[in-house]
């Protein structure tokens, strides 16, 4: 029985790490990038520095 429990702990640990990594990647993807932002629209060309 102890071997099964160790495998269960390993699986739970891997899932926790995977959720953490995916959460961090989602957080970084939602942040606005630093640098220049160039917008072309009906009002013309807009260049903004961030």
Protein backbone atom coordinates (compact mmCIF):
# COMPACT_ATOMS: atom_id res chain seq x y z
CA UNK A 1 0.00 0.00 0.00
CA UNK A 2 2.79 2.58 0.67
CA UNK A 3 3.95 2.39 -2.97
CA UNK A 4 0.49 3.32 -4.21
CA UNK A 5 0.36 6.24 -1.80
CA UNK A 6 3.76 7.50 -3.02
CA UNK A 7 2.55 7.37 -6.62
CA UNK A 8 -0.56 9.30 -5.62
CA UNK A 9 1.56 11.99 -3.95
CA UNK A 10 3.78 12.18 -7.03
CA UNK A 11 0.78 12.63 -9.34
CA UNK A 12 -0.71 15.32 -7.11
CA UNK A 13 2.65 17.13 -6.98
CA UNK A 14 3.01 17.04 -10.76
CA UNK A 15 -0.52 18.41 -11.19
CA UNK A 16 0.16 21.25 -8.76
CA UNK A 17 3.35 22.18 -10.61
CA UNK A 18 1.56 22.01 -13.97
CA UNK A 19 -1.23 24.32 -12.75
CA UNK A 20 1.38 26.75 -11.44
CA UNK A 21 3.28 26.83 -14.73
CA UNK A 22 0.11 27.27 -16.78
CA UNK A 23 -1.10 30.05 -14.48
CA UNK A 24 2.20 31.89 -14.80
CA UNK A 25 2.15 31.58 -18.60
CA UNK A 26 -1.41 32.93 -18.72
CA UNK A 27 -0.43 35.83 -16.44
CA UNK A 28 2.52 36.74 -18.67
CA UNK A 29 0.39 36.49 -21.83
CA UNK A 30 -2.22 38.91 -20.42
CA UNK A 31 0.34 41.61 -19.57
CA UNK A 32 0.80 44.43 -22.04
CA UNK A 33 4.21 44.36 -23.71
CA UNK A 34 6.76 47.09 -23.04
CA UNK A 35 7.98 49.27 -25.90
CA UNK A 36 6.16 50.95 -28.76
CA UNK A 37 2.56 50.43 -29.73
CA UNK A 38 1.56 51.31 -33.30
CA UNK A 39 -2.15 51.57 -34.11
CA UNK A 40 -3.61 52.14 -37.57
CA UNK A 41 -7.28 52.96 -37.60
CA UNK A 42 -9.88 55.34 -38.97
CA UNK A 43 -8.27 58.20 -37.03
CA UNK A 44 -4.93 57.65 -38.74
CA UNK A 45 -1.61 56.35 -37.45
CA UNK A 46 -0.93 56.49 -33.69
CA UNK A 47 2.43 55.67 -32.09
CA UNK A 48 2.58 55.40 -28.31
CA UNK A 49 5.53 54.56 -26.10
CA UNK A 50 4.84 52.37 -23.10
